[in-house]
N, C-alpha and C. Protein backbone atom coordinates (compact mmCIF):
# COMPACT_ATOMS: atom_id res chain seq x y z
N MET A 1 98.95 80.67 106.83
CA MET A 1 97.70 80.16 107.39
C MET A 1 96.76 79.77 106.27
N LEU A 2 96.13 78.60 106.38
CA LEU A 2 95.19 78.12 105.39
C LEU A 2 93.79 78.11 105.98
N ASP A 3 92.84 78.45 105.13
CA ASP A 3 91.46 78.53 105.62
C ASP A 3 90.53 78.13 104.49
N ALA A 4 90.00 76.92 104.55
CA ALA A 4 89.10 76.47 103.49
C ALA A 4 88.21 75.36 103.99
N VAL A 5 87.10 75.18 103.32
CA VAL A 5 86.19 74.08 103.60
C VAL A 5 86.06 73.27 102.32
N ALA A 6 86.39 71.99 102.38
CA ALA A 6 86.25 71.14 101.21
C ALA A 6 84.85 70.55 101.21
N HIS A 7 84.04 71.00 100.28
CA HIS A 7 82.69 70.47 100.20
C HIS A 7 82.14 70.70 98.81
N ASP A 8 81.08 69.99 98.48
CA ASP A 8 80.47 70.08 97.16
C ASP A 8 79.24 70.98 97.26
N MET A 9 79.35 72.18 96.75
CA MET A 9 78.25 73.12 96.81
C MET A 9 78.32 74.00 95.57
N ARG A 10 77.23 74.70 95.31
CA ARG A 10 77.22 75.64 94.19
C ARG A 10 76.78 76.99 94.71
N PHE A 11 77.37 78.03 94.14
CA PHE A 11 76.99 79.39 94.49
C PHE A 11 75.88 79.85 93.55
N GLN A 12 75.01 80.73 94.05
CA GLN A 12 73.95 81.24 93.18
C GLN A 12 74.54 82.03 92.03
N ASP A 13 75.44 82.93 92.35
CA ASP A 13 76.12 83.75 91.35
C ASP A 13 77.37 84.34 91.99
N ARG A 14 78.04 85.24 91.29
CA ARG A 14 79.28 85.80 91.84
C ARG A 14 79.05 86.65 93.08
N ALA A 15 77.89 87.32 93.13
CA ALA A 15 77.59 88.13 94.32
C ALA A 15 77.44 87.24 95.55
N ASP A 16 76.72 86.13 95.40
CA ASP A 16 76.55 85.18 96.50
C ASP A 16 77.91 84.62 96.91
N ALA A 17 78.73 84.27 95.93
CA ALA A 17 80.06 83.74 96.22
C ALA A 17 80.90 84.76 96.97
N GLY A 18 80.80 86.03 96.56
CA GLY A 18 81.56 87.08 97.22
C GLY A 18 81.15 87.28 98.66
N ARG A 19 79.86 87.20 98.92
CA ARG A 19 79.38 87.37 100.30
C ARG A 19 79.85 86.21 101.17
N GLN A 20 79.81 84.99 100.63
CA GLN A 20 80.29 83.84 101.41
C GLN A 20 81.80 83.93 101.65
N LEU A 21 82.52 84.40 100.65
CA LEU A 21 83.96 84.57 100.82
C LEU A 21 84.25 85.64 101.86
N ALA A 22 83.48 86.72 101.83
CA ALA A 22 83.66 87.81 102.80
C ALA A 22 83.47 87.33 104.23
N ASP A 23 82.56 86.37 104.43
CA ASP A 23 82.34 85.82 105.77
C ASP A 23 83.62 85.23 106.35
N ARG A 24 84.49 84.71 105.48
CA ARG A 24 85.74 84.10 105.92
C ARG A 24 86.88 85.09 106.02
N LEU A 25 86.58 86.35 105.73
CA LEU A 25 87.59 87.40 105.78
C LEU A 25 87.24 88.50 106.78
N GLN A 26 86.31 88.21 107.66
CA GLN A 26 85.80 89.25 108.56
C GLN A 26 86.86 89.82 109.48
N ARG A 27 87.93 89.06 109.72
CA ARG A 27 88.98 89.60 110.59
C ARG A 27 89.68 90.80 109.97
N TYR A 28 89.44 91.03 108.66
CA TYR A 28 90.04 92.18 107.99
C TYR A 28 89.06 93.34 107.82
N ALA A 29 87.90 93.24 108.43
CA ALA A 29 86.88 94.29 108.27
C ALA A 29 87.24 95.55 109.05
N HIS A 30 86.87 96.70 108.47
CA HIS A 30 86.98 98.01 109.13
C HIS A 30 88.41 98.32 109.58
N ARG A 31 89.36 97.95 108.71
CA ARG A 31 90.76 98.30 108.96
C ARG A 31 91.22 99.25 107.87
N ASP A 32 91.98 100.26 108.23
CA ASP A 32 92.36 101.26 107.24
C ASP A 32 93.55 100.84 106.39
N ASP A 33 94.10 99.65 106.65
CA ASP A 33 95.25 99.20 105.85
C ASP A 33 94.86 98.19 104.77
N VAL A 34 93.59 97.80 104.71
CA VAL A 34 93.17 96.72 103.81
C VAL A 34 92.75 97.27 102.45
N LEU A 35 93.17 96.58 101.39
CA LEU A 35 92.82 96.92 100.02
C LEU A 35 92.42 95.63 99.29
N VAL A 36 91.28 95.66 98.59
CA VAL A 36 90.79 94.49 97.85
C VAL A 36 91.02 94.72 96.36
N LEU A 37 91.66 93.76 95.71
CA LEU A 37 91.91 93.84 94.28
C LEU A 37 91.23 92.67 93.57
N GLY A 38 90.34 92.98 92.62
CA GLY A 38 89.67 91.94 91.85
C GLY A 38 90.37 91.69 90.53
N LEU A 39 90.38 90.43 90.09
CA LEU A 39 90.94 90.08 88.79
C LEU A 39 89.83 90.14 87.74
N PRO A 40 89.92 91.09 86.79
CA PRO A 40 88.87 91.22 85.77
C PRO A 40 88.85 90.01 84.85
N ARG A 41 87.67 89.73 84.28
CA ARG A 41 86.49 90.49 84.66
C ARG A 41 85.71 89.79 85.77
N GLY A 42 85.67 88.46 85.73
CA GLY A 42 84.79 87.72 86.63
C GLY A 42 85.10 87.86 88.11
N GLY A 43 86.35 88.18 88.43
CA GLY A 43 86.70 88.32 89.84
C GLY A 43 86.22 89.62 90.46
N VAL A 44 85.88 90.60 89.62
CA VAL A 44 85.51 91.91 90.17
C VAL A 44 84.18 91.89 90.92
N PRO A 45 83.11 91.26 90.40
CA PRO A 45 81.87 91.19 91.18
C PRO A 45 82.05 90.48 92.52
N VAL A 46 82.92 89.48 92.56
CA VAL A 46 83.21 88.79 93.81
C VAL A 46 83.97 89.72 94.75
N ALA A 47 84.98 90.39 94.21
CA ALA A 47 85.78 91.31 95.01
C ALA A 47 84.95 92.48 95.52
N TYR A 48 83.98 92.92 94.71
CA TYR A 48 83.12 94.03 95.12
C TYR A 48 82.37 93.68 96.41
N GLU A 49 81.82 92.47 96.47
CA GLU A 49 81.09 92.05 97.67
C GLU A 49 82.02 91.95 98.87
N VAL A 50 83.24 91.48 98.63
CA VAL A 50 84.23 91.39 99.72
C VAL A 50 84.56 92.79 100.22
N ALA A 51 84.83 93.71 99.29
CA ALA A 51 85.19 95.08 99.67
C ALA A 51 84.06 95.76 100.43
N GLN A 52 82.83 95.56 99.98
CA GLN A 52 81.68 96.15 100.67
C GLN A 52 81.56 95.62 102.09
N ALA A 53 81.70 94.30 102.23
CA ALA A 53 81.55 93.67 103.55
C ALA A 53 82.67 94.09 104.51
N LEU A 54 83.86 94.30 103.97
CA LEU A 54 85.00 94.66 104.81
C LEU A 54 85.15 96.16 104.98
N ASN A 55 84.36 96.93 104.24
CA ASN A 55 84.48 98.40 104.23
C ASN A 55 85.89 98.79 103.80
N ALA A 56 86.32 98.21 102.67
CA ALA A 56 87.67 98.42 102.16
C ALA A 56 87.62 98.96 100.73
N PRO A 57 88.63 99.70 100.31
CA PRO A 57 88.68 100.17 98.93
C PRO A 57 88.82 99.00 97.95
N LEU A 58 88.28 99.21 96.75
CA LEU A 58 88.33 98.19 95.69
C LEU A 58 89.07 98.74 94.48
N ASP A 59 89.93 97.90 93.90
CA ASP A 59 90.59 98.24 92.64
C ASP A 59 90.72 96.94 91.85
N VAL A 60 91.27 97.06 90.64
CA VAL A 60 91.50 95.87 89.83
C VAL A 60 92.99 95.57 89.76
N CYS A 61 93.31 94.30 89.60
CA CYS A 61 94.67 93.87 89.30
C CYS A 61 94.60 93.28 87.90
N LEU A 62 95.15 93.99 86.93
CA LEU A 62 94.98 93.62 85.53
C LEU A 62 95.92 92.50 85.13
N VAL A 63 95.33 91.34 84.92
CA VAL A 63 96.05 90.17 84.43
C VAL A 63 95.22 89.57 83.31
N ARG A 64 95.85 88.74 82.51
CA ARG A 64 95.15 88.17 81.36
C ARG A 64 95.60 86.73 81.16
N LYS A 65 94.65 85.82 81.13
CA LYS A 65 94.96 84.41 80.88
C LYS A 65 95.43 84.22 79.45
N LEU A 66 96.39 83.33 79.25
CA LEU A 66 96.83 82.91 77.93
C LEU A 66 96.18 81.57 77.63
N GLY A 67 95.21 81.56 76.74
CA GLY A 67 94.51 80.32 76.42
C GLY A 67 95.23 79.51 75.36
N VAL A 68 95.14 78.19 75.47
CA VAL A 68 95.70 77.31 74.44
C VAL A 68 94.91 77.52 73.15
N PRO A 69 95.57 77.75 72.02
CA PRO A 69 94.84 77.93 70.76
C PRO A 69 93.88 76.78 70.49
N ASN A 70 92.66 77.14 70.17
CA ASN A 70 91.56 76.19 69.90
C ASN A 70 91.05 75.51 71.17
N HIS A 71 91.65 75.82 72.31
CA HIS A 71 91.18 75.31 73.60
C HIS A 71 91.34 76.45 74.61
N GLU A 72 90.71 77.59 74.30
CA GLU A 72 91.01 78.83 75.03
C GLU A 72 90.69 78.77 76.52
N GLU A 73 89.77 77.88 76.94
CA GLU A 73 89.46 77.80 78.36
C GLU A 73 90.59 77.18 79.16
N LEU A 74 91.50 76.48 78.48
CA LEU A 74 92.65 75.87 79.15
C LEU A 74 93.81 76.87 79.14
N ALA A 75 94.30 77.21 80.32
CA ALA A 75 95.34 78.24 80.43
C ALA A 75 96.73 77.64 80.25
N LEU A 76 97.48 78.17 79.28
CA LEU A 76 98.89 77.79 79.15
C LEU A 76 99.75 78.71 79.99
N GLY A 77 99.12 79.79 80.48
CA GLY A 77 99.83 80.74 81.33
C GLY A 77 99.02 82.02 81.48
N ALA A 78 99.69 83.09 81.89
CA ALA A 78 99.02 84.37 82.07
C ALA A 78 100.05 85.48 81.97
N ILE A 79 99.56 86.68 81.64
CA ILE A 79 100.43 87.86 81.59
C ILE A 79 99.83 88.95 82.47
N ALA A 80 100.66 89.90 82.82
CA ALA A 80 100.20 91.05 83.60
C ALA A 80 101.03 92.25 83.20
N SER A 81 100.63 93.40 83.68
CA SER A 81 101.35 94.62 83.36
C SER A 81 102.79 94.54 83.85
N GLY A 82 103.67 95.32 83.20
CA GLY A 82 105.06 95.31 83.59
C GLY A 82 105.87 94.17 83.00
N GLY A 83 105.30 93.49 81.99
CA GLY A 83 106.03 92.42 81.33
C GLY A 83 106.01 91.10 82.07
N VAL A 84 105.14 90.94 83.06
CA VAL A 84 105.06 89.69 83.81
C VAL A 84 104.42 88.60 82.96
N ARG A 85 105.07 87.45 82.90
CA ARG A 85 104.51 86.30 82.19
C ARG A 85 104.73 85.06 83.04
N VAL A 86 103.67 84.33 83.31
CA VAL A 86 103.73 83.09 84.08
C VAL A 86 103.21 81.97 83.19
N LEU A 87 103.97 80.89 83.05
CA LEU A 87 103.56 79.78 82.20
C LEU A 87 103.17 78.56 83.03
N ASN A 88 102.18 77.85 82.54
CA ASN A 88 101.77 76.57 83.13
C ASN A 88 102.59 75.49 82.42
N ASP A 89 103.73 75.16 82.99
CA ASP A 89 104.67 74.26 82.31
C ASP A 89 104.06 72.91 81.96
N GLU A 90 103.19 72.42 82.82
CA GLU A 90 102.58 71.11 82.57
C GLU A 90 101.74 71.14 81.29
N VAL A 91 100.97 72.21 81.12
CA VAL A 91 100.14 72.35 79.91
C VAL A 91 101.02 72.58 78.68
N VAL A 92 102.03 73.45 78.81
CA VAL A 92 102.90 73.75 77.68
C VAL A 92 103.61 72.49 77.19
N ARG A 93 104.14 71.71 78.14
CA ARG A 93 104.84 70.47 77.75
C ARG A 93 103.86 69.43 77.24
N GLY A 94 102.75 69.27 77.95
CA GLY A 94 101.79 68.23 77.60
C GLY A 94 101.17 68.41 76.23
N MET A 95 101.03 69.67 75.80
CA MET A 95 100.42 69.95 74.50
C MET A 95 101.46 70.43 73.49
N THR A 96 102.73 70.29 73.85
CA THR A 96 103.86 70.67 72.98
C THR A 96 103.61 72.02 72.29
N ILE A 97 103.40 73.04 73.10
CA ILE A 97 103.14 74.39 72.59
C ILE A 97 104.47 75.09 72.39
N SER A 98 104.70 75.60 71.20
CA SER A 98 105.98 76.21 70.86
C SER A 98 106.12 77.61 71.46
N ALA A 99 107.36 78.05 71.55
CA ALA A 99 107.64 79.39 72.08
C ALA A 99 107.02 80.47 71.19
N SER A 100 107.03 80.24 69.87
CA SER A 100 106.46 81.23 68.95
C SER A 100 104.94 81.32 69.13
N THR A 101 104.30 80.19 69.39
CA THR A 101 102.85 80.21 69.64
C THR A 101 102.55 80.96 70.93
N ILE A 102 103.34 80.72 71.97
CA ILE A 102 103.16 81.43 73.24
C ILE A 102 103.32 82.93 73.03
N ASP A 103 104.36 83.32 72.27
CA ASP A 103 104.61 84.74 72.01
C ASP A 103 103.43 85.38 71.27
N ALA A 104 102.87 84.65 70.30
CA ALA A 104 101.75 85.18 69.52
C ALA A 104 100.51 85.37 70.39
N VAL A 105 100.23 84.38 71.23
CA VAL A 105 99.07 84.48 72.13
C VAL A 105 99.28 85.62 73.12
N ALA A 106 100.50 85.74 73.65
CA ALA A 106 100.80 86.79 74.63
C ALA A 106 100.66 88.18 74.01
N ALA A 107 101.11 88.34 72.77
CA ALA A 107 101.01 89.64 72.10
C ALA A 107 99.56 90.05 71.92
N LYS A 108 98.72 89.10 71.53
CA LYS A 108 97.30 89.37 71.35
C LYS A 108 96.65 89.75 72.68
N GLU A 109 96.96 89.00 73.71
CA GLU A 109 96.33 89.26 75.01
C GLU A 109 96.87 90.55 75.65
N MET A 110 98.09 90.93 75.33
CA MET A 110 98.61 92.20 75.85
C MET A 110 97.81 93.37 75.29
N GLN A 111 97.38 93.27 74.05
CA GLN A 111 96.54 94.32 73.47
C GLN A 111 95.23 94.44 74.26
N GLU A 112 94.65 93.29 74.62
CA GLU A 112 93.41 93.30 75.39
C GLU A 112 93.65 93.83 76.80
N LEU A 113 94.79 93.49 77.37
CA LEU A 113 95.14 93.98 78.70
C LEU A 113 95.23 95.51 78.70
N GLN A 114 95.87 96.05 77.69
CA GLN A 114 96.01 97.50 77.59
C GLN A 114 94.66 98.17 77.34
N ARG A 115 93.81 97.52 76.54
CA ARG A 115 92.46 98.06 76.30
C ARG A 115 91.67 98.12 77.60
N ARG A 116 91.76 97.06 78.39
CA ARG A 116 91.03 97.03 79.67
C ARG A 116 91.57 98.07 80.64
N ASP A 117 92.86 98.29 80.61
CA ASP A 117 93.44 99.31 81.48
C ASP A 117 92.82 100.68 81.17
N ARG A 118 92.71 100.99 79.88
CA ARG A 118 92.09 102.26 79.49
C ARG A 118 90.60 102.28 79.84
N ALA A 119 89.92 101.16 79.61
CA ALA A 119 88.47 101.10 79.82
C ALA A 119 88.11 101.21 81.30
N TYR A 120 88.90 100.60 82.19
CA TYR A 120 88.55 100.55 83.60
C TYR A 120 89.08 101.73 84.39
N ARG A 121 90.24 102.22 84.00
CA ARG A 121 90.90 103.24 84.81
C ARG A 121 90.77 104.65 84.26
N SER A 122 90.65 104.79 82.92
CA SER A 122 90.76 106.10 82.28
C SER A 122 92.11 106.69 82.69
N ASP A 123 92.10 107.81 83.39
CA ASP A 123 93.37 108.41 83.82
C ASP A 123 93.67 108.16 85.30
N ARG A 124 92.86 107.32 85.93
CA ARG A 124 93.04 107.09 87.36
C ARG A 124 94.18 106.09 87.59
N PRO A 125 95.16 106.44 88.39
CA PRO A 125 96.27 105.52 88.64
C PRO A 125 95.83 104.38 89.56
N PRO A 126 96.54 103.24 89.53
CA PRO A 126 96.24 102.15 90.47
C PRO A 126 96.44 102.61 91.91
N LEU A 127 95.70 101.99 92.82
CA LEU A 127 95.88 102.30 94.24
C LEU A 127 97.24 101.79 94.70
N ASP A 128 97.84 102.51 95.61
CA ASP A 128 99.16 102.16 96.14
C ASP A 128 99.03 101.01 97.13
N VAL A 129 99.72 99.90 96.86
CA VAL A 129 99.61 98.72 97.72
C VAL A 129 100.73 98.63 98.75
N ARG A 130 101.72 99.49 98.64
CA ARG A 130 102.87 99.40 99.55
C ARG A 130 102.42 99.53 101.01
N ASP A 131 102.88 98.58 101.84
CA ASP A 131 102.58 98.55 103.28
C ASP A 131 101.10 98.34 103.58
N ARG A 132 100.33 97.89 102.59
CA ARG A 132 98.92 97.60 102.81
C ARG A 132 98.70 96.10 102.92
N THR A 133 97.59 95.71 103.53
CA THR A 133 97.16 94.31 103.51
C THR A 133 96.30 94.15 102.26
N VAL A 134 96.81 93.40 101.29
CA VAL A 134 96.17 93.29 99.98
C VAL A 134 95.49 91.93 99.85
N ILE A 135 94.21 91.96 99.47
CA ILE A 135 93.45 90.73 99.24
C ILE A 135 93.17 90.62 97.75
N LEU A 136 93.80 89.65 97.09
CA LEU A 136 93.59 89.39 95.66
C LEU A 136 92.43 88.42 95.50
N VAL A 137 91.44 88.79 94.70
CA VAL A 137 90.21 88.00 94.60
C VAL A 137 89.92 87.62 93.14
N ASP A 138 89.60 86.34 92.93
CA ASP A 138 89.08 85.88 91.64
C ASP A 138 87.83 85.04 91.88
N ASP A 139 87.08 84.72 90.81
CA ASP A 139 85.84 83.98 90.99
C ASP A 139 86.06 82.47 91.05
N GLY A 140 87.29 82.04 90.82
CA GLY A 140 87.64 80.63 90.91
C GLY A 140 89.06 80.45 90.40
N ILE A 141 89.76 79.45 90.93
CA ILE A 141 91.15 79.23 90.55
C ILE A 141 91.32 77.76 90.18
N ALA A 142 91.62 77.52 88.89
CA ALA A 142 91.79 76.15 88.41
C ALA A 142 93.25 75.80 88.25
N THR A 143 93.94 76.43 87.28
CA THR A 143 95.36 76.14 87.08
C THR A 143 96.25 77.02 87.94
N GLY A 144 95.75 78.17 88.35
CA GLY A 144 96.53 79.08 89.18
C GLY A 144 97.41 80.05 88.41
N ALA A 145 97.47 79.92 87.07
CA ALA A 145 98.38 80.75 86.29
C ALA A 145 98.03 82.23 86.41
N THR A 146 96.76 82.56 86.29
CA THR A 146 96.35 83.97 86.34
C THR A 146 96.64 84.56 87.71
N MET A 147 96.33 83.82 88.76
CA MET A 147 96.57 84.34 90.10
C MET A 147 98.06 84.45 90.39
N ARG A 148 98.86 83.51 89.91
CA ARG A 148 100.31 83.63 90.11
C ARG A 148 100.86 84.86 89.41
N ALA A 149 100.30 85.19 88.24
CA ALA A 149 100.72 86.41 87.55
C ALA A 149 100.36 87.64 88.38
N ALA A 150 99.17 87.62 88.97
CA ALA A 150 98.76 88.74 89.82
C ALA A 150 99.68 88.88 91.02
N VAL A 151 100.03 87.76 91.62
CA VAL A 151 100.95 87.77 92.76
C VAL A 151 102.30 88.34 92.34
N SER A 152 102.75 87.97 91.13
CA SER A 152 104.04 88.45 90.63
C SER A 152 104.05 89.95 90.39
N VAL A 153 102.87 90.52 90.13
CA VAL A 153 102.76 91.97 89.96
C VAL A 153 102.75 92.68 91.31
N ILE A 154 102.01 92.14 92.25
CA ILE A 154 101.78 92.84 93.53
C ILE A 154 102.96 92.67 94.49
N LYS A 155 103.55 91.50 94.55
CA LYS A 155 104.61 91.25 95.55
C LYS A 155 105.76 92.25 95.50
N PRO A 156 106.28 92.59 94.31
CA PRO A 156 107.40 93.54 94.28
C PRO A 156 107.03 94.94 94.76
N GLN A 157 105.73 95.23 94.85
CA GLN A 157 105.28 96.53 95.33
C GLN A 157 105.25 96.59 96.87
N GLN A 158 105.68 95.52 97.51
CA GLN A 158 105.90 95.46 98.95
C GLN A 158 104.65 95.71 99.80
N PRO A 159 103.60 94.92 99.58
CA PRO A 159 102.48 95.00 100.53
C PRO A 159 102.91 94.44 101.87
N ALA A 160 102.28 94.89 102.94
CA ALA A 160 102.61 94.37 104.26
C ALA A 160 102.18 92.91 104.38
N ARG A 161 101.06 92.56 103.74
CA ARG A 161 100.54 91.20 103.80
C ARG A 161 99.78 90.94 102.50
N LEU A 162 99.95 89.77 101.92
CA LEU A 162 99.31 89.43 100.65
C LEU A 162 98.45 88.18 100.82
N ILE A 163 97.17 88.32 100.51
CA ILE A 163 96.20 87.25 100.71
C ILE A 163 95.54 86.92 99.37
N VAL A 164 95.43 85.66 99.05
CA VAL A 164 94.68 85.20 97.88
C VAL A 164 93.35 84.65 98.37
N ALA A 165 92.25 85.12 97.78
CA ALA A 165 90.92 84.69 98.21
C ALA A 165 90.07 84.37 96.98
N SER A 166 89.39 83.23 97.03
CA SER A 166 88.54 82.82 95.92
C SER A 166 87.46 81.88 96.45
N PRO A 167 86.25 81.95 95.89
CA PRO A 167 85.18 81.07 96.36
C PRO A 167 85.51 79.59 96.20
N VAL A 168 86.18 79.24 95.09
CA VAL A 168 86.46 77.82 94.83
C VAL A 168 87.82 77.70 94.15
N MET A 169 88.57 76.68 94.54
CA MET A 169 89.86 76.43 93.91
C MET A 169 90.24 74.96 94.06
N ALA A 170 91.17 74.56 93.20
CA ALA A 170 91.67 73.18 93.24
C ALA A 170 92.59 73.00 94.44
N PRO A 171 92.53 71.85 95.12
CA PRO A 171 93.37 71.62 96.31
C PRO A 171 94.87 71.79 96.04
N LEU A 172 95.36 71.29 94.90
CA LEU A 172 96.78 71.40 94.61
C LEU A 172 97.20 72.86 94.45
N ILE A 173 96.36 73.64 93.78
CA ILE A 173 96.66 75.07 93.59
C ILE A 173 96.61 75.79 94.92
N TYR A 174 95.68 75.38 95.76
CA TYR A 174 95.56 75.94 97.11
C TYR A 174 96.89 75.79 97.86
N GLU A 175 97.45 74.60 97.78
CA GLU A 175 98.72 74.34 98.46
C GLU A 175 99.87 75.12 97.81
N GLU A 176 99.89 75.17 96.49
CA GLU A 176 100.97 75.88 95.80
C GLU A 176 100.95 77.37 96.12
N LEU A 177 99.77 77.98 96.10
CA LEU A 177 99.67 79.40 96.38
C LEU A 177 100.03 79.72 97.82
N SER A 178 99.76 78.78 98.72
CA SER A 178 100.06 79.02 100.13
C SER A 178 101.55 79.17 100.38
N LEU A 179 102.36 78.71 99.43
CA LEU A 179 103.82 78.81 99.57
C LEU A 179 104.34 80.17 99.13
N VAL A 180 103.54 80.94 98.40
CA VAL A 180 104.04 82.21 97.83
C VAL A 180 103.32 83.44 98.37
N VAL A 181 102.24 83.25 99.13
CA VAL A 181 101.55 84.39 99.74
C VAL A 181 101.39 84.12 101.23
N ASP A 182 100.93 85.12 101.97
CA ASP A 182 100.82 84.99 103.42
C ASP A 182 99.63 84.15 103.85
N GLU A 183 98.57 84.15 103.02
CA GLU A 183 97.36 83.44 103.42
C GLU A 183 96.53 83.12 102.18
N VAL A 184 95.88 81.97 102.19
CA VAL A 184 94.96 81.57 101.13
C VAL A 184 93.61 81.28 101.77
N VAL A 185 92.56 81.90 101.24
CA VAL A 185 91.22 81.73 101.82
C VAL A 185 90.26 81.32 100.71
N CYS A 186 89.49 80.27 100.92
CA CYS A 186 88.45 79.90 99.96
C CYS A 186 87.28 79.28 100.70
N VAL A 187 86.17 79.15 99.99
CA VAL A 187 84.94 78.59 100.56
C VAL A 187 84.87 77.10 100.25
N ALA A 188 85.11 76.74 99.00
CA ALA A 188 85.01 75.34 98.57
C ALA A 188 86.31 74.91 97.91
N MET A 189 86.73 73.69 98.23
CA MET A 189 87.96 73.14 97.66
C MET A 189 87.69 71.70 97.25
N PRO A 190 86.90 71.51 96.19
CA PRO A 190 86.52 70.16 95.78
C PRO A 190 87.68 69.38 95.18
N GLU A 191 87.71 68.09 95.45
CA GLU A 191 88.77 67.25 94.90
C GLU A 191 88.68 67.21 93.37
N ALA A 192 87.46 67.11 92.84
CA ALA A 192 87.25 67.14 91.39
C ALA A 192 86.71 68.52 91.02
N LEU A 193 87.59 69.41 90.60
CA LEU A 193 87.19 70.79 90.40
C LEU A 193 86.26 70.97 89.21
N ARG A 194 86.53 70.25 88.11
CA ARG A 194 85.83 70.48 86.84
C ARG A 194 86.08 71.93 86.40
N ALA A 195 85.16 72.49 85.64
CA ALA A 195 85.28 73.90 85.24
C ALA A 195 84.76 74.78 86.36
N ILE A 196 85.30 76.01 86.46
CA ILE A 196 84.86 76.93 87.51
C ILE A 196 83.36 77.19 87.40
N GLY A 197 82.86 77.34 86.18
CA GLY A 197 81.44 77.61 85.98
C GLY A 197 80.51 76.55 86.55
N PHE A 198 81.01 75.33 86.72
CA PHE A 198 80.19 74.26 87.29
C PHE A 198 79.72 74.60 88.69
N TRP A 199 80.50 75.43 89.41
CA TRP A 199 80.21 75.72 90.81
C TRP A 199 79.28 76.92 90.99
N TYR A 200 78.77 77.43 89.88
CA TYR A 200 77.84 78.56 89.92
C TYR A 200 76.54 78.21 89.21
N GLU A 201 75.41 78.54 89.84
CA GLU A 201 74.13 78.40 89.16
C GLU A 201 74.05 79.39 88.00
N ASP A 202 74.52 80.61 88.25
CA ASP A 202 74.55 81.66 87.22
C ASP A 202 76.00 82.10 87.06
N PHE A 203 76.60 81.77 85.91
CA PHE A 203 77.99 82.13 85.64
C PHE A 203 78.06 82.99 84.38
N ALA A 204 77.08 83.90 84.26
CA ALA A 204 77.02 84.78 83.09
C ALA A 204 78.29 85.62 83.00
N GLN A 205 78.70 85.91 81.78
CA GLN A 205 79.92 86.68 81.57
C GLN A 205 79.80 88.08 82.17
N THR A 206 80.86 88.52 82.81
CA THR A 206 80.92 89.87 83.35
C THR A 206 81.39 90.82 82.25
N SER A 207 80.70 91.93 82.07
CA SER A 207 81.05 92.88 81.00
C SER A 207 81.98 93.97 81.52
N ASP A 208 82.57 94.70 80.58
CA ASP A 208 83.38 95.87 80.95
C ASP A 208 82.53 96.86 81.74
N ALA A 209 81.28 97.03 81.33
CA ALA A 209 80.39 97.97 82.02
C ALA A 209 80.15 97.53 83.46
N ASP A 210 80.02 96.22 83.68
CA ASP A 210 79.86 95.70 85.05
C ASP A 210 81.07 96.06 85.91
N VAL A 211 82.26 95.90 85.34
CA VAL A 211 83.49 96.20 86.07
C VAL A 211 83.54 97.69 86.42
N ARG A 212 83.28 98.52 85.42
CA ARG A 212 83.33 99.98 85.65
C ARG A 212 82.33 100.41 86.71
N GLN A 213 81.14 99.82 86.65
CA GLN A 213 80.09 100.19 87.61
C GLN A 213 80.51 99.86 89.03
N ARG A 214 81.09 98.68 89.22
CA ARG A 214 81.49 98.28 90.57
C ARG A 214 82.67 99.10 91.09
N LEU A 215 83.56 99.46 90.20
CA LEU A 215 84.68 100.30 90.62
C LEU A 215 84.19 101.71 91.00
N ALA A 216 83.14 102.17 90.32
CA ALA A 216 82.60 103.51 90.59
C ALA A 216 81.70 103.50 91.81
N ASP A 217 81.07 102.37 92.10
CA ASP A 217 80.08 102.30 93.17
C ASP A 217 80.74 101.96 94.49
N GLN A 218 81.52 102.90 94.98
CA GLN A 218 82.21 102.75 96.26
C GLN A 218 82.01 104.00 97.10
N PRO A 219 82.09 103.85 98.42
CA PRO A 219 81.95 105.00 99.31
C PRO A 219 83.01 106.06 99.00
């Protein structure tokens, strides 16, 4: 099932985006099987608003974008825990990025992934997603590499239903993700996506402290 509105709008900030996204997820409110997972760091404030609105537990799904050297905002792929690596073949081929360069970028980002795991979780284990309705949330999806990595981590854990939700995403990515998860939900799906930050009035960087606070601030 697909659920999106294609329109040109801007969100005030991630909290506003999360509340608007939650409006489109109300059918999952007040259910004891629902779990919301935010992609750090920017996806967590959005996911927090969704979790609050749905009265659902919140956790993080630790994934890390692999940026093209000297063009870090452009994703050549993404990694996640458990050795998951997803590559954006179009970017890798188009910019002739070597396997050794990919390995070097991945090794560096794995160190950051492990640091974030310690910073966000301490000794707390991830929430069990098996047989749950899992909503994966990010603040925007451009290439889809990071979200595909998250899907690759969660799917083998056998959730009952897997939903990708984001305030804004590219139409092509919307269609691609709809083939690998049960449902894709977004607020805006502009034909010309530009950078994700373009769709926010305030797109200030989310800090580790912001993530920890939102994970701690739950019922």
